[in-house]
Protein backbone atom coordinates (compact mmCIF):
# COMPACT_ATOMS: atom_id res chain seq x y z
CA MET A 1 -5.57 10.68 -47.38
CA ALA A 2 -2.91 8.81 -50.32
CA THR A 3 -0.08 11.47 -49.50
CA GLN A 4 -0.82 10.47 -46.17
CA LEU A 5 0.07 7.00 -46.68
CA SER A 6 2.57 7.81 -49.73
CA THR A 7 4.51 9.93 -46.82
CA ALA A 8 4.32 7.54 -44.32
CA ALA A 9 5.68 4.92 -46.61
CA LEU A 10 8.57 7.07 -47.86
CA HIS A 11 9.85 9.52 -45.65
CA PRO A 12 13.04 8.47 -43.62
CA ALA A 13 11.66 9.92 -40.32
CA VAL A 14 8.79 7.51 -40.08
CA ARG A 15 11.00 3.92 -40.73
CA GLY A 16 10.32 1.76 -38.40
CA ARG A 17 7.71 3.84 -36.30
CA THR A 18 3.90 3.15 -36.41
CA PHE A 19 1.45 6.30 -36.63
CA ASN A 20 -2.36 7.43 -36.94
CA LEU A 21 -3.03 8.86 -40.38
CA GLY A 22 -6.48 11.02 -40.80
CA ARG A 23 -7.32 14.88 -41.27
CA ASP A 24 -6.24 17.09 -38.43
CA LEU A 25 -9.70 18.36 -37.31
CA ALA A 26 -11.60 15.20 -35.72
CA ILE A 27 -15.17 16.07 -36.57
CA ASP A 28 -18.47 13.55 -35.95
CA ASN A 29 -20.59 12.51 -38.37
CA ARG A 30 -22.87 15.28 -37.88
CA ASP A 31 -20.80 17.54 -38.40
CA TRP A 32 -19.57 16.11 -41.41
CA LEU A 33 -23.06 16.39 -42.95
CA GLN A 34 -23.75 19.85 -41.62
CA ARG A 35 -20.11 20.74 -43.38
CA PHE A 36 -21.17 19.67 -46.58
CA ALA A 37 -24.64 20.66 -46.72
CA GLU A 38 -23.72 23.74 -46.72
CA ARG A 39 -20.59 23.73 -49.07
CA ALA A 40 -23.80 22.10 -51.23
CA GLY A 41 -26.30 24.73 -50.35
CA TRP A 42 -28.39 22.58 -48.93
CA THR A 43 -30.99 23.76 -45.90
CA GLY A 44 -32.98 20.21 -45.48
CA GLU A 45 -34.39 18.62 -42.19
CA VAL A 46 -31.73 15.83 -41.01
CA ARG A 47 -33.03 13.06 -39.49
CA GLU A 48 -31.65 10.37 -37.84
CA THR A 49 -32.95 6.70 -38.12
CA ALA A 50 -32.17 3.10 -38.02
CA ALA A 51 -30.14 1.11 -40.06
CA PRO A 52 -32.37 -1.16 -42.05
CA ALA A 53 -32.37 -4.69 -40.66
CA GLY A 54 -29.40 -6.86 -42.22
CA SER A 55 -27.73 -3.37 -43.67
CA PRO A 56 -23.78 -3.78 -42.75
CA LEU A 57 -24.71 -0.16 -40.96
CA SER A 58 -26.77 -1.94 -38.43
CA SER A 59 -23.81 -3.60 -36.41
CA LEU A 60 -22.13 -0.15 -35.73
CA ASP A 61 -22.35 1.77 -32.58
CA LEU A 62 -22.02 5.31 -33.95
CA ARG A 63 -22.76 7.01 -31.11
CA TYR A 64 -19.37 7.22 -29.96
CA PRO A 65 -16.79 9.01 -32.90
CA LEU A 66 -13.41 7.01 -33.60
CA LEU A 67 -10.95 10.19 -32.53
CA VAL A 68 -7.47 9.34 -33.31
CA ASP A 69 -4.60 11.89 -32.92
CA THR A 70 -2.33 12.49 -36.00
CA GLY A 71 0.09 14.83 -34.19
CA ALA A 72 2.61 12.76 -34.19
CA PHE A 73 3.06 12.03 -37.56
CA ARG A 74 2.44 15.87 -38.81
CA ILE A 75 5.34 16.90 -36.99
CA ALA A 76 7.49 13.85 -37.56
CA CYS A 77 6.99 14.65 -41.21
CA SER A 78 6.38 18.30 -41.40
CA TRP A 79 2.53 17.38 -42.78
CA SER A 80 0.05 19.03 -43.38
CA GLU A 81 -3.23 18.86 -45.61
CA PRO A 82 -2.71 19.64 -49.02
CA THR A 83 -6.00 20.51 -49.54
CA PRO A 84 -8.01 22.91 -47.37
CA LEU A 85 -11.00 20.74 -46.09
CA ALA A 86 -13.56 23.30 -47.84
CA GLU A 87 -12.04 23.57 -51.07
CA ALA A 88 -11.51 19.30 -50.88
CA LEU A 89 -15.95 19.39 -50.29
CA ASP A 90 -16.38 21.91 -52.84
CA ARG A 91 -14.33 19.39 -55.57
CA THR A 92 -16.23 16.28 -53.92
CA LEU A 93 -19.73 18.37 -54.89
CA ALA A 94 -18.49 19.30 -58.07
CA ASP A 95 -17.66 15.35 -58.76
CA GLU A 96 -20.63 14.29 -58.01
CA ARG A 97 -22.63 16.69 -59.74
CA ALA A 98 -21.13 16.17 -62.48
CA ARG A 99 -21.90 12.26 -61.88
CA SER A 100 -25.10 12.77 -61.83
CA GLY A 101 -25.62 14.91 -64.80
CA GLY A 102 -25.68 18.46 -62.71
CA ALA A 103 -28.41 17.68 -60.28
CA ASP A 104 -27.99 19.40 -57.12
CA GLY A 105 -29.86 17.52 -54.76
CA ARG A 106 -31.83 20.74 -53.25
């Protein structure tokens, strides 16, 4: 996202225009979790539960994913993600494992 923001701030083709920024692949929360679990080699079970009362999450209605079309920005700037999704997930997992002392969460 940082490369999108810097491109949006500096690219002459976008001056004075408004764009949606985000990944080119619109996926919901369950799909994100599934992709991350697959990359981690995690085979556990995911159960949906309500957020605890008083939690900031309790006011969110995640039944409806927020989807935005980022195509206009991508075309105007000839922009695409610098890191493929699978690699980004792998890097995130490596960082999380390093922070947790190597525990893999399995």
